[in-house]
N, C-alpha and C. Protein backbone atom coordinates (compact mmCIF):
# COMPACT_ATOMS: atom_id res chain seq x y z
N UNK A 1 -27.15 46.28 -132.33
CA UNK A 1 -28.52 46.78 -132.10
C UNK A 1 -29.59 46.37 -131.00
N UNK A 2 -29.83 45.31 -131.45
CA UNK A 2 -30.68 44.16 -130.97
C UNK A 2 -30.12 44.15 -129.29
N UNK A 3 -28.69 43.79 -129.13
CA UNK A 3 -28.05 43.75 -127.84
C UNK A 3 -28.48 45.44 -126.94
N UNK A 4 -27.95 46.15 -127.68
CA UNK A 4 -28.43 47.58 -126.99
C UNK A 4 -30.21 47.70 -126.79
N UNK A 5 -30.66 47.28 -127.46
CA UNK A 5 -32.44 47.45 -126.91
C UNK A 5 -32.80 46.44 -125.39
N UNK A 6 -31.92 45.33 -125.65
CA UNK A 6 -32.42 44.56 -124.59
C UNK A 6 -31.84 45.27 -123.11
N UNK A 7 -30.50 45.54 -123.74
CA UNK A 7 -30.08 46.42 -122.09
C UNK A 7 -30.99 47.40 -121.79
N UNK A 8 -31.17 48.21 -122.78
CA UNK A 8 -32.05 49.72 -122.35
C UNK A 8 -33.46 48.91 -121.65
N UNK A 9 -33.79 47.84 -122.26
CA UNK A 9 -35.14 47.38 -121.75
C UNK A 9 -35.27 46.50 -120.07
N UNK A 10 -33.69 45.81 -120.40
CA UNK A 10 -33.33 45.31 -119.01
C UNK A 10 -33.38 46.72 -117.83
N UNK A 11 -32.34 47.77 -118.38
CA UNK A 11 -32.37 49.13 -117.63
C UNK A 11 -33.77 49.55 -117.45
N UNK A 12 -34.53 49.90 -117.60
CA UNK A 12 -35.92 50.44 -117.80
C UNK A 12 -36.65 49.45 -116.33
N UNK A 13 -36.59 48.00 -116.83
CA UNK A 13 -37.51 46.92 -115.77
C UNK A 13 -36.74 47.28 -114.75
N UNK A 14 -35.54 47.58 -114.67
CA UNK A 14 -34.69 47.33 -113.39
C UNK A 14 -35.14 48.81 -112.45
N UNK A 15 -35.49 50.19 -113.27
CA UNK A 15 -35.58 51.53 -112.88
C UNK A 15 -37.41 51.02 -112.17
N UNK A 16 -37.81 50.73 -113.09
CA UNK A 16 -39.22 50.27 -112.61
C UNK A 16 -39.77 49.41 -111.60
N UNK A 17 -38.87 48.56 -111.54
CA UNK A 17 -38.91 47.62 -110.23
C UNK A 17 -38.19 48.13 -108.78
N UNK A 18 -37.33 49.30 -109.02
CA UNK A 18 -36.91 49.81 -107.74
C UNK A 18 -37.64 50.97 -107.32
N UNK A 19 -38.05 51.68 -108.59
CA UNK A 19 -38.98 52.68 -107.89
C UNK A 19 -40.31 52.80 -106.71
N UNK A 20 -40.33 53.45 -105.81
CA UNK A 20 -41.30 53.18 -104.66
C UNK A 20 -42.42 53.96 -105.44
N UNK A 21 -43.66 53.65 -104.77
CA UNK A 21 -45.20 54.15 -105.27
C UNK A 21 -45.16 55.22 -103.73
N UNK A 22 -46.01 56.19 -103.75
CA UNK A 22 -46.09 57.03 -103.35
C UNK A 22 -46.62 56.38 -101.80
N UNK A 23 -47.55 55.21 -101.97
CA UNK A 23 -47.82 54.62 -100.41
C UNK A 23 -46.86 53.70 -99.70
N UNK A 24 -45.97 53.51 -100.68
CA UNK A 24 -44.81 52.78 -100.16
C UNK A 24 -44.20 53.58 -99.26
N UNK A 25 -44.00 54.95 -99.87
CA UNK A 25 -43.20 55.72 -98.89
C UNK A 25 -43.74 56.20 -97.51
N UNK A 26 -44.94 56.18 -97.85
CA UNK A 26 -45.93 56.74 -96.56
C UNK A 26 -45.99 55.24 -95.45
N UNK A 27 -46.21 54.22 -96.05
CA UNK A 27 -46.01 52.85 -94.99
C UNK A 27 -44.97 52.84 -94.45
N UNK A 28 -43.40 53.31 -95.12
CA UNK A 28 -42.09 53.23 -94.48
C UNK A 28 -41.99 54.38 -93.19
N UNK A 29 -42.75 55.55 -93.64
CA UNK A 29 -43.00 56.96 -92.97
C UNK A 29 -43.30 56.25 -92.14
N UNK A 30 -44.83 55.81 -91.76
CA UNK A 30 -45.55 55.15 -90.81
C UNK A 30 -45.13 53.68 -89.56
N UNK A 31 -44.06 53.42 -90.15
CA UNK A 31 -43.21 51.95 -89.73
C UNK A 31 -41.82 52.84 -88.97
N UNK A 32 -41.55 54.24 -89.41
CA UNK A 32 -40.35 54.83 -88.94
C UNK A 32 -41.02 55.32 -87.83
N UNK A 33 -42.05 55.89 -87.51
CA UNK A 33 -42.80 56.72 -86.58
C UNK A 33 -43.21 55.74 -85.28
N UNK A 34 -43.54 54.53 -86.06
CA UNK A 34 -44.28 53.29 -84.92
C UNK A 34 -43.39 52.94 -83.67
N UNK A 35 -42.48 53.61 -83.27
CA UNK A 35 -41.54 53.24 -82.04
C UNK A 35 -42.54 52.92 -80.77
N UNK A 36 -42.13 51.59 -80.37
CA UNK A 36 -43.04 51.32 -79.34
C UNK A 36 -43.19 52.32 -78.32
N UNK A 37 -42.10 52.63 -77.71
CA UNK A 37 -41.98 53.60 -76.95
C UNK A 37 -42.29 55.32 -77.31
N UNK A 38 -42.55 55.50 -78.15
CA UNK A 38 -42.67 56.82 -78.81
C UNK A 38 -41.45 57.47 -79.51
N UNK A 39 -41.69 58.43 -79.79
CA UNK A 39 -40.52 59.59 -80.56
C UNK A 39 -41.22 61.00 -79.94
N UNK A 40 -39.99 62.06 -80.30
CA UNK A 40 -39.83 63.27 -79.72
C UNK A 40 -39.64 63.96 -80.97
N UNK A 41 -39.75 65.30 -81.24
CA UNK A 41 -39.55 66.16 -82.19
C UNK A 41 -39.71 67.65 -81.62
N UNK A 42 -38.80 68.22 -82.22
CA UNK A 42 -39.49 70.05 -82.49
C UNK A 42 -40.20 70.26 -83.66
N UNK A 43 -41.14 71.27 -83.06
CA UNK A 43 -41.92 71.64 -84.80
C UNK A 43 -42.02 73.20 -84.70
N UNK A 44 -42.40 73.35 -86.17
CA UNK A 44 -42.92 75.03 -86.15
C UNK A 44 -43.94 75.01 -86.95
N UNK A 45 -45.12 75.75 -86.41
CA UNK A 45 -46.08 75.62 -87.11
C UNK A 45 -46.56 76.85 -87.48
N UNK A 46 -46.88 76.99 -89.24
CA UNK A 46 -47.44 78.44 -89.73
C UNK A 46 -48.23 78.33 -90.41
N UNK A 47 -49.20 79.17 -90.47
CA UNK A 47 -50.33 79.63 -91.27
C UNK A 47 -51.10 81.15 -91.14
N UNK A 48 -52.04 81.15 -92.25
CA UNK A 48 -52.39 82.60 -91.88
C UNK A 48 -53.90 82.83 -90.93
N UNK A 49 -54.05 81.69 -90.49
CA UNK A 49 -55.53 81.47 -89.23
C UNK A 49 -54.77 81.38 -88.37
N UNK A 50 -53.35 81.07 -88.20
CA UNK A 50 -52.73 80.85 -86.58
C UNK A 50 -51.73 81.37 -86.60
N UNK A 51 -51.28 82.27 -87.51
CA UNK A 51 -49.97 83.05 -86.89
C UNK A 51 -48.56 81.79 -87.09
N UNK A 52 -47.43 81.82 -86.29
CA UNK A 52 -46.62 81.18 -86.09
C UNK A 52 -46.36 80.76 -84.97
N UNK A 53 -45.83 79.66 -84.51
CA UNK A 53 -45.65 79.22 -83.31
C UNK A 53 -44.21 77.89 -83.40
N UNK A 54 -43.42 77.77 -82.09
CA UNK A 54 -43.01 76.36 -82.27
C UNK A 54 -42.80 75.76 -80.79
N UNK A 55 -42.63 74.93 -81.01
CA UNK A 55 -41.97 73.96 -79.98
C UNK A 55 -42.02 72.63 -79.68
N UNK A 56 -42.09 71.38 -78.95
CA UNK A 56 -41.55 70.37 -79.06
C UNK A 56 -42.42 69.34 -78.81
N UNK A 57 -42.67 68.07 -79.43
CA UNK A 57 -43.98 67.25 -79.57
C UNK A 57 -43.21 65.73 -79.09
N UNK A 58 -44.35 65.01 -78.34
CA UNK A 58 -43.88 63.54 -77.57
C UNK A 58 -44.96 62.74 -78.36
N UNK A 59 -45.13 61.83 -79.16
CA UNK A 59 -46.18 61.28 -79.91
C UNK A 59 -45.79 59.61 -79.56
N UNK A 60 -46.79 58.95 -79.34
CA UNK A 60 -46.61 57.55 -79.20
C UNK A 60 -48.31 56.80 -79.95
N UNK A 61 -48.09 56.23 -81.07
CA UNK A 61 -49.30 55.65 -81.32
C UNK A 61 -50.15 56.84 -81.47
N UNK A 62 -51.47 57.15 -81.38
CA UNK A 62 -52.28 58.31 -81.59
C UNK A 62 -52.22 59.42 -80.56
N UNK A 63 -51.61 59.02 -79.04
CA UNK A 63 -51.23 59.85 -78.43
C UNK A 63 -50.38 60.86 -78.40
N UNK A 64 -50.40 62.03 -77.92
CA UNK A 64 -49.35 63.35 -78.05
C UNK A 64 -49.28 64.31 -76.99
N UNK A 65 -48.27 64.68 -76.77
CA UNK A 65 -48.05 66.12 -76.09
C UNK A 65 -47.42 67.01 -76.56
N UNK A 66 -47.89 68.03 -76.49
CA UNK A 66 -47.04 69.18 -77.24
C UNK A 66 -46.89 70.38 -76.29
N UNK A 67 -45.56 71.09 -76.47
CA UNK A 67 -45.40 72.50 -75.78
C UNK A 67 -44.94 73.59 -76.43
N UNK A 68 -45.68 74.60 -76.07
CA UNK A 68 -45.56 76.17 -77.20
C UNK A 68 -45.03 77.01 -75.96
N UNK A 69 -44.68 78.14 -76.23
CA UNK A 69 -44.70 79.25 -75.49
C UNK A 69 -46.01 79.66 -74.87
N UNK A 70 -47.25 79.40 -75.73
CA UNK A 70 -48.43 79.71 -75.19
C UNK A 70 -49.15 78.87 -74.71
N UNK A 71 -48.55 77.41 -74.74
CA UNK A 71 -49.83 76.63 -74.26
C UNK A 71 -49.23 75.14 -74.19
N UNK A 72 -49.79 74.45 -73.56
CA UNK A 72 -49.22 72.83 -73.66
C UNK A 72 -50.62 71.79 -73.41
N UNK A 73 -50.46 71.04 -74.80
CA UNK A 73 -51.45 70.25 -75.24
C UNK A 73 -51.04 68.93 -74.71
N UNK A 74 -52.07 67.99 -74.21
CA UNK A 74 -52.25 66.52 -73.70
C UNK A 74 -53.42 65.65 -74.56
N UNK A 75 -53.10 64.56 -75.32
CA UNK A 75 -54.10 63.94 -75.91
C UNK A 75 -54.02 62.32 -75.90
N UNK A 76 -54.74 61.92 -75.37
CA UNK A 76 -54.63 60.57 -74.49
C UNK A 76 -55.47 59.26 -75.59
N UNK A 77 -55.67 60.03 -76.83
CA UNK A 77 -56.17 59.01 -78.25
C UNK A 77 -57.51 59.25 -78.02
N UNK A 78 -58.34 59.95 -77.25
CA UNK A 78 -59.54 60.23 -77.27
C UNK A 78 -60.14 61.70 -76.51
N UNK A 79 -59.35 62.06 -75.67
CA UNK A 79 -59.89 63.69 -75.33
C UNK A 79 -58.45 64.71 -74.73
N UNK A 80 -58.66 65.68 -75.25
CA UNK A 80 -57.50 66.35 -75.46
C UNK A 80 -57.67 67.85 -74.32
N UNK A 81 -56.60 67.77 -73.65
CA UNK A 81 -56.74 68.88 -72.77
C UNK A 81 -55.43 69.96 -72.98
N UNK A 82 -55.84 71.47 -73.04
CA UNK A 82 -55.35 72.11 -73.91
C UNK A 82 -55.24 73.41 -72.51
N UNK A 83 -53.72 73.42 -72.25
CA UNK A 83 -53.62 74.45 -71.16
C UNK A 83 -52.94 75.39 -71.47
N UNK A 84 -53.75 76.95 -71.49
CA UNK A 84 -53.09 78.22 -72.02
C UNK A 84 -52.33 78.67 -70.72
N UNK A 85 -51.30 79.35 -70.95
CA UNK A 85 -50.23 79.43 -70.18
C UNK A 85 -50.58 80.85 -69.30
N UNK A 86 -50.96 81.79 -70.59
CA UNK A 86 -51.42 83.16 -69.97
C UNK A 86 -52.71 83.23 -68.98
N UNK A 87 -53.65 82.10 -69.59
CA UNK A 87 -54.91 82.36 -68.68
C UNK A 87 -54.82 81.75 -67.41
N UNK A 88 -54.02 80.53 -67.57
CA UNK A 88 -54.46 79.28 -66.49
C UNK A 88 -55.26 78.90 -66.63
N UNK A 89 -56.14 78.37 -67.46
CA UNK A 89 -57.18 77.88 -68.32
C UNK A 89 -56.73 76.85 -68.99
N UNK A 90 -57.31 75.40 -68.85
CA UNK A 90 -57.29 74.41 -69.58
C UNK A 90 -58.94 73.85 -69.88
N UNK A 91 -58.72 73.73 -71.28
CA UNK A 91 -59.91 73.60 -71.84
C UNK A 91 -59.60 71.98 -72.39
N UNK A 92 -60.88 71.33 -72.27
CA UNK A 92 -61.26 69.68 -72.50
C UNK A 92 -62.13 69.78 -73.94
N UNK A 93 -61.22 68.95 -74.54
CA UNK A 93 -62.44 68.73 -76.16
C UNK A 93 -62.03 67.06 -76.42
N UNK A 94 -62.98 66.46 -77.38
CA UNK A 94 -63.00 65.41 -78.43
C UNK A 94 -62.42 66.13 -79.48
N UNK A 95 -61.04 66.29 -79.82
CA UNK A 95 -60.80 67.09 -81.21
C UNK A 95 -61.09 66.22 -82.65
N UNK A 96 -61.45 67.23 -83.55
CA UNK A 96 -61.43 66.28 -84.81
C UNK A 96 -60.21 65.94 -85.55
N UNK A 97 -60.66 65.16 -86.77
CA UNK A 97 -59.19 64.51 -87.31
C UNK A 97 -58.53 66.28 -87.85
N UNK A 98 -59.40 67.18 -88.36
CA UNK A 98 -58.41 68.52 -88.78
C UNK A 98 -57.79 69.55 -87.49
N UNK A 99 -58.60 68.94 -86.53
CA UNK A 99 -57.91 69.83 -84.86
C UNK A 99 -56.45 69.19 -84.64
N UNK A 100 -56.54 67.89 -84.82
CA UNK A 100 -55.72 66.96 -84.06
C UNK A 100 -54.31 67.22 -85.20
N UNK A 101 -54.81 67.43 -86.69
CA UNK A 101 -53.68 67.13 -87.59
C UNK A 101 -52.77 68.77 -87.66
N UNK A 102 -53.80 69.77 -87.01
CA UNK A 102 -53.44 71.37 -86.78
C UNK A 102 -52.09 71.46 -86.05
N UNK A 103 -52.40 70.27 -84.63
CA UNK A 103 -51.58 70.30 -83.43
C UNK A 103 -50.23 69.32 -83.58
N UNK A 104 -50.92 68.06 -83.81
CA UNK A 104 -49.74 66.90 -84.00
C UNK A 104 -49.57 66.43 -85.75
N UNK A 105 -48.33 67.05 -86.28
CA UNK A 105 -47.90 66.72 -87.46
C UNK A 105 -47.55 65.57 -87.83
N UNK A 106 -47.81 64.79 -86.90
CA UNK A 106 -47.35 63.09 -86.92
C UNK A 106 -48.93 62.38 -87.12
N UNK A 107 -49.88 62.94 -86.96
CA UNK A 107 -51.76 62.58 -87.23
C UNK A 107 -51.93 62.17 -88.58
N UNK A 108 -51.19 62.51 -89.71
CA UNK A 108 -51.42 61.86 -91.05
C UNK A 108 -51.03 60.61 -91.28
N UNK A 109 -50.15 59.89 -90.25
CA UNK A 109 -50.25 58.53 -90.40
C UNK A 109 -50.99 57.51 -90.19
N UNK A 110 -51.70 58.46 -89.32
CA UNK A 110 -53.41 57.85 -88.60
C UNK A 110 -54.34 57.53 -89.77
N UNK A 111 -54.33 59.12 -90.73
CA UNK A 111 -55.38 58.63 -91.51
C UNK A 111 -55.40 58.73 -92.78
N UNK A 112 -53.78 58.53 -93.65
CA UNK A 112 -53.74 58.50 -94.99
C UNK A 112 -53.74 57.26 -95.78
N UNK A 113 -54.29 56.21 -94.38
CA UNK A 113 -54.12 54.98 -95.49
C UNK A 113 -55.86 54.86 -96.30
N UNK A 114 -56.68 55.56 -95.89
CA UNK A 114 -58.32 55.69 -96.00
C UNK A 114 -58.74 57.14 -96.50
N UNK A 115 -59.36 57.27 -97.86
CA UNK A 115 -59.94 58.32 -98.31
C UNK A 115 -59.02 59.18 -98.84
N UNK A 116 -57.85 58.61 -99.69
CA UNK A 116 -56.58 59.65 -99.91
C UNK A 116 -56.30 59.10 -101.14
N UNK A 117 -56.03 59.81 -102.55
CA UNK A 117 -55.42 59.39 -103.71
C UNK A 117 -53.59 59.91 -103.34
N UNK A 118 -52.88 59.23 -103.76
CA UNK A 118 -51.43 59.63 -103.72
C UNK A 118 -50.61 60.43 -104.74
N UNK A 119 -50.01 60.82 -105.13
CA UNK A 119 -49.13 61.30 -106.35
C UNK A 119 -47.66 61.57 -105.15
N UNK A 120 -46.19 61.56 -106.00
CA UNK A 120 -45.13 61.71 -105.28
C UNK A 120 -44.21 61.99 -106.57
N UNK A 121 -43.41 62.76 -106.01
CA UNK A 121 -41.96 63.12 -106.77
C UNK A 121 -40.98 63.38 -105.97
N UNK A 122 -39.80 63.38 -106.05
CA UNK A 122 -38.56 63.24 -105.73
C UNK A 122 -37.99 64.80 -105.63
N UNK A 123 -37.81 65.37 -104.53
CA UNK A 123 -37.45 66.85 -104.20
C UNK A 123 -36.24 66.52 -103.59
N UNK A 124 -35.02 68.04 -103.04
CA UNK A 124 -34.02 67.95 -102.82
C UNK A 124 -34.05 67.36 -101.33
N UNK A 125 -34.72 67.35 -100.61
CA UNK A 125 -35.03 66.73 -99.00
C UNK A 125 -35.29 65.38 -99.15
N UNK A 126 -35.75 65.11 -100.57
CA UNK A 126 -36.37 63.61 -100.20
C UNK A 126 -37.45 63.37 -101.39
N UNK A 127 -38.71 62.70 -100.71
CA UNK A 127 -39.54 62.75 -101.39
C UNK A 127 -41.29 63.13 -100.94
N UNK A 128 -41.64 63.78 -102.20
CA UNK A 128 -42.76 65.00 -101.57
C UNK A 128 -44.25 63.98 -102.27
N UNK A 129 -44.72 63.73 -101.20
CA UNK A 129 -46.16 62.63 -101.24
C UNK A 129 -47.52 64.11 -101.41
N UNK A 130 -48.22 64.03 -102.45
CA UNK A 130 -48.87 64.91 -102.28
C UNK A 130 -50.28 64.05 -102.34
N UNK A 131 -51.29 64.17 -100.94
CA UNK A 131 -52.64 63.67 -100.92
C UNK A 131 -53.66 63.99 -100.79
N UNK A 132 -54.39 63.85 -101.76
CA UNK A 132 -55.66 64.53 -102.34
C UNK A 132 -56.91 63.77 -101.61
N UNK A 133 -57.93 64.05 -100.96
CA UNK A 133 -58.90 63.37 -100.73
C UNK A 133 -60.08 63.07 -101.47
N UNK A 134 -60.30 61.72 -101.38
CA UNK A 134 -61.49 61.03 -102.29
C UNK A 134 -62.88 61.45 -102.32
N UNK A 135 -62.82 62.13 -100.64
CA UNK A 135 -63.94 62.56 -100.19
C UNK A 135 -64.33 63.84 -100.01
N UNK A 136 -65.06 64.47 -100.45
CA UNK A 136 -65.19 65.78 -100.21
C UNK A 136 -65.58 66.62 -98.62
N UNK A 137 -65.99 65.07 -97.82
CA UNK A 137 -66.75 65.80 -96.37
C UNK A 137 -65.13 65.85 -95.43
N UNK A 138 -63.96 65.24 -96.47
CA UNK A 138 -62.91 65.03 -95.29
C UNK A 138 -62.60 66.38 -95.10
N UNK A 139 -62.32 66.62 -93.77
CA UNK A 139 -61.89 68.16 -93.56
C UNK A 139 -60.44 68.59 -93.87
N UNK A 140 -59.72 67.68 -94.03
CA UNK A 140 -58.23 68.08 -94.78
C UNK A 140 -58.30 67.47 -96.08
N UNK A 141 -58.55 68.29 -97.17
CA UNK A 141 -58.58 68.17 -98.38
C UNK A 141 -57.32 67.58 -99.23
N UNK A 142 -56.76 68.29 -98.82
CA UNK A 142 -55.28 67.97 -99.41
C UNK A 142 -53.91 68.27 -98.43
N UNK A 143 -52.98 67.26 -99.02
CA UNK A 143 -51.85 67.60 -97.87
C UNK A 143 -50.80 67.12 -99.17
N UNK A 144 -49.48 67.76 -98.20
CA UNK A 144 -48.15 67.57 -99.06
C UNK A 144 -47.36 66.94 -97.88
N UNK A 145 -46.40 65.53 -97.71
CA UNK A 145 -45.82 65.59 -96.69
C UNK A 145 -44.00 65.09 -97.36
N UNK A 146 -43.30 66.12 -97.04
CA UNK A 146 -42.06 65.63 -97.39
C UNK A 146 -41.05 64.91 -96.39
N UNK A 147 -40.48 63.90 -97.20
CA UNK A 147 -40.11 62.51 -96.41
C UNK A 147 -38.37 62.44 -96.63
N UNK A 148 -37.42 61.99 -95.58
CA UNK A 148 -36.46 61.63 -95.65
C UNK A 148 -35.68 60.63 -96.68
N UNK A 149 -35.11 60.73 -97.79
CA UNK A 149 -34.97 59.40 -98.72
C UNK A 149 -34.80 58.29 -97.82
N UNK A 150 -33.82 58.37 -96.51
CA UNK A 150 -32.89 57.39 -96.24
C UNK A 150 -33.46 56.93 -94.79
N UNK A 151 -34.13 57.85 -94.05
CA UNK A 151 -34.46 57.48 -92.87
C UNK A 151 -35.97 57.52 -92.84
N UNK A 152 -36.66 58.04 -94.02
CA UNK A 152 -38.09 58.21 -94.20
C UNK A 152 -38.98 58.97 -93.21
N UNK A 153 -38.06 59.68 -92.23
CA UNK A 153 -38.89 60.55 -91.17
C UNK A 153 -39.20 61.78 -92.30
N UNK A 154 -40.92 62.26 -91.80
CA UNK A 154 -40.97 63.24 -92.11
C UNK A 154 -40.36 64.86 -91.70
N UNK A 155 -40.47 65.26 -92.61
CA UNK A 155 -39.41 66.87 -92.70
C UNK A 155 -40.13 68.32 -92.48
N UNK A 156 -41.27 67.75 -93.09
CA UNK A 156 -42.75 68.84 -93.39
C UNK A 156 -44.12 68.22 -93.41
N UNK A 157 -45.08 68.79 -92.97
CA UNK A 157 -46.37 68.44 -93.25
C UNK A 157 -47.32 69.89 -93.70
N UNK A 158 -47.70 70.04 -95.27
CA UNK A 158 -48.63 71.31 -95.59
C UNK A 158 -49.65 70.65 -95.86
N UNK A 159 -50.49 71.45 -95.16
CA UNK A 159 -52.25 70.91 -95.33
C UNK A 159 -53.19 72.16 -95.43
N UNK A 160 -53.93 71.46 -96.36
CA UNK A 160 -55.15 72.43 -96.61
C UNK A 160 -56.74 72.26 -95.99
N UNK A 161 -57.16 73.04 -94.97
CA UNK A 161 -58.59 73.23 -94.95
C UNK A 161 -58.97 74.20 -95.80
N UNK A 162 -60.70 74.03 -96.37
CA UNK A 162 -61.06 74.76 -97.03
C UNK A 162 -59.98 75.71 -98.04
N UNK A 163 -59.69 76.96 -97.70
CA UNK A 163 -58.43 77.61 -98.42
C UNK A 163 -57.55 77.79 -98.13
N UNK A 164 -57.53 77.34 -96.52
CA UNK A 164 -56.52 77.66 -95.88
C UNK A 164 -55.20 76.59 -95.79
N UNK A 165 -54.01 77.08 -96.24
CA UNK A 165 -52.73 76.07 -95.48
C UNK A 165 -52.35 76.28 -94.67
N UNK A 166 -51.90 75.23 -94.00
CA UNK A 166 -51.04 75.37 -92.34
C UNK A 166 -49.59 74.57 -92.76
N UNK A 167 -48.48 74.81 -92.35
CA UNK A 167 -47.54 74.05 -93.05
C UNK A 167 -46.75 73.85 -91.67
N UNK A 168 -46.36 72.81 -91.47
CA UNK A 168 -45.45 72.18 -90.00
C UNK A 168 -44.18 71.76 -90.10
N UNK A 169 -43.44 72.60 -90.00
CA UNK A 169 -41.89 71.84 -89.88
C UNK A 169 -41.24 70.93 -88.83
N UNK A 170 -40.76 69.92 -89.27
CA UNK A 170 -40.43 68.75 -88.11
C UNK A 170 -38.68 68.93 -88.32
N UNK A 171 -38.08 68.77 -86.84
CA UNK A 171 -36.74 68.78 -86.77
C UNK A 171 -35.99 67.68 -85.68
N UNK A 172 -35.00 67.09 -85.51
CA UNK A 172 -34.84 66.10 -84.65
C UNK A 172 -35.41 65.46 -83.80
N UNK A 173 -36.00 64.80 -84.57
CA UNK A 173 -36.79 63.48 -84.51
C UNK A 173 -36.21 62.23 -83.38
N UNK A 174 -36.43 61.74 -82.40
CA UNK A 174 -35.47 60.80 -81.74
C UNK A 174 -36.48 59.49 -81.28
N UNK A 175 -36.26 58.47 -81.10
CA UNK A 175 -37.09 57.48 -80.73
C UNK A 175 -36.78 57.69 -79.16
N UNK A 176 -37.84 57.24 -78.18
CA UNK A 176 -38.08 57.63 -76.78
C UNK A 176 -38.79 56.66 -75.87
N UNK A 177 -38.70 56.69 -74.79
CA UNK A 177 -39.40 55.81 -74.18
C UNK A 177 -40.33 56.43 -73.32
N UNK A 178 -41.82 56.76 -73.82
CA UNK A 178 -42.41 57.39 -72.98
C UNK A 178 -43.80 56.61 -72.20
N UNK A 179 -44.03 57.30 -71.07
CA UNK A 179 -44.78 56.66 -70.26
C UNK A 179 -46.40 56.95 -70.88
N UNK A 180 -47.60 55.99 -70.49
CA UNK A 180 -48.79 56.56 -71.63
C UNK A 180 -49.32 57.60 -70.54
N UNK A 181 -48.93 57.53 -68.72
CA UNK A 181 -49.47 58.65 -68.22
C UNK A 181 -49.08 60.43 -68.52
N UNK A 182 -47.99 60.37 -69.81
CA UNK A 182 -47.45 61.51 -69.92
C UNK A 182 -48.44 62.37 -71.09
N UNK A 183 -49.68 61.55 -71.65
CA UNK A 183 -50.32 61.98 -72.55
C UNK A 183 -51.94 62.57 -71.81
N UNK A 184 -51.68 62.29 -70.47
CA UNK A 184 -53.23 62.60 -69.64
C UNK A 184 -52.67 64.37 -69.25
N UNK A 185 -53.36 64.74 -68.78
CA UNK A 185 -53.45 66.36 -67.99
C UNK A 185 -53.06 66.03 -66.81
N UNK A 186 -51.99 66.33 -66.09
CA UNK A 186 -51.91 65.80 -64.59
C UNK A 186 -52.26 67.19 -63.90
N UNK A 187 -53.41 67.21 -63.43
CA UNK A 187 -54.32 68.12 -62.58
C UNK A 187 -53.63 68.15 -61.57
N UNK A 188 -52.81 67.64 -60.81
CA UNK A 188 -52.39 68.19 -59.49
C UNK A 188 -51.29 69.06 -59.94
N UNK A 189 -50.37 69.05 -60.90
CA UNK A 189 -49.58 69.98 -61.16
C UNK A 189 -49.96 71.33 -61.59
N UNK A 190 -51.43 71.56 -61.39
CA UNK A 190 -51.77 72.74 -62.29
C UNK A 190 -53.27 73.14 -61.09
N UNK A 191 -52.70 73.08 -59.60
CA UNK A 191 -54.07 73.29 -59.10
C UNK A 191 -54.82 74.77 -59.06
N UNK A 192 -54.29 75.43 -59.83
CA UNK A 192 -54.93 77.03 -59.87
C UNK A 192 -55.79 76.84 -61.32
N UNK A 193 -55.84 75.97 -62.16
CA UNK A 193 -56.20 76.22 -63.35
C UNK A 193 -57.44 76.01 -63.68
N UNK A 194 -58.23 77.17 -64.17
CA UNK A 194 -59.82 76.91 -64.21
C UNK A 194 -60.01 75.85 -65.42
N UNK A 195 -60.97 74.84 -65.29
CA UNK A 195 -60.99 73.73 -66.21
C UNK A 195 -62.41 74.16 -66.96
N UNK A 196 -62.60 74.46 -67.95
CA UNK A 196 -63.39 74.41 -68.80
C UNK A 196 -63.65 73.06 -69.83
N UNK A 197 -65.05 72.72 -69.70
CA UNK A 197 -64.94 71.32 -70.58
C UNK A 197 -65.73 71.81 -71.75
N UNK A 198 -65.24 71.36 -72.54
CA UNK A 198 -66.13 71.87 -74.06
C UNK A 198 -66.47 70.71 -75.10
N UNK A 199 -66.43 69.11 -73.94
CA UNK A 199 -67.03 68.12 -74.51
C UNK A 199 -68.63 67.99 -75.15
């Protein structure tokens, strides 16, 4: 009987030591996305306040460039250019954390380390990490990040701003070699665009 108890105790210790915390999973996800040359992926965004749209995104650190049927967005880490195709208009802004998250599904890797508490559960797709803001002033109060168990690539980010939820599904994540110039609006390619500076 004592031997059985010892085996059970050792098994429990082994299971406990191999279990990952939510923070460790997010750290591994951030590392998987931190390819020096950047990454590309397809995405679909849905939400009550924005409807639904799909597109392609390139990410390198805090910088990103996203293309949808309606618009193209460039963000160089500070300034964002949004080209509205139907109006041939470029809006220039310095976006907030919430605005960046709504456009860039990978922005959570820049904000999760500070101001959030974490819980995690195992789901069919891998891990689901639940982040809750510890500061009521954070624009994103709650997030669910679903991560692949093997590659640690995120497949879905669901976030709450106020009472509204936005879901971003991510697929075909690939490492790339993207130049920094790709994240700045190429004005020469859009000579007829009307520029609206909202900064």
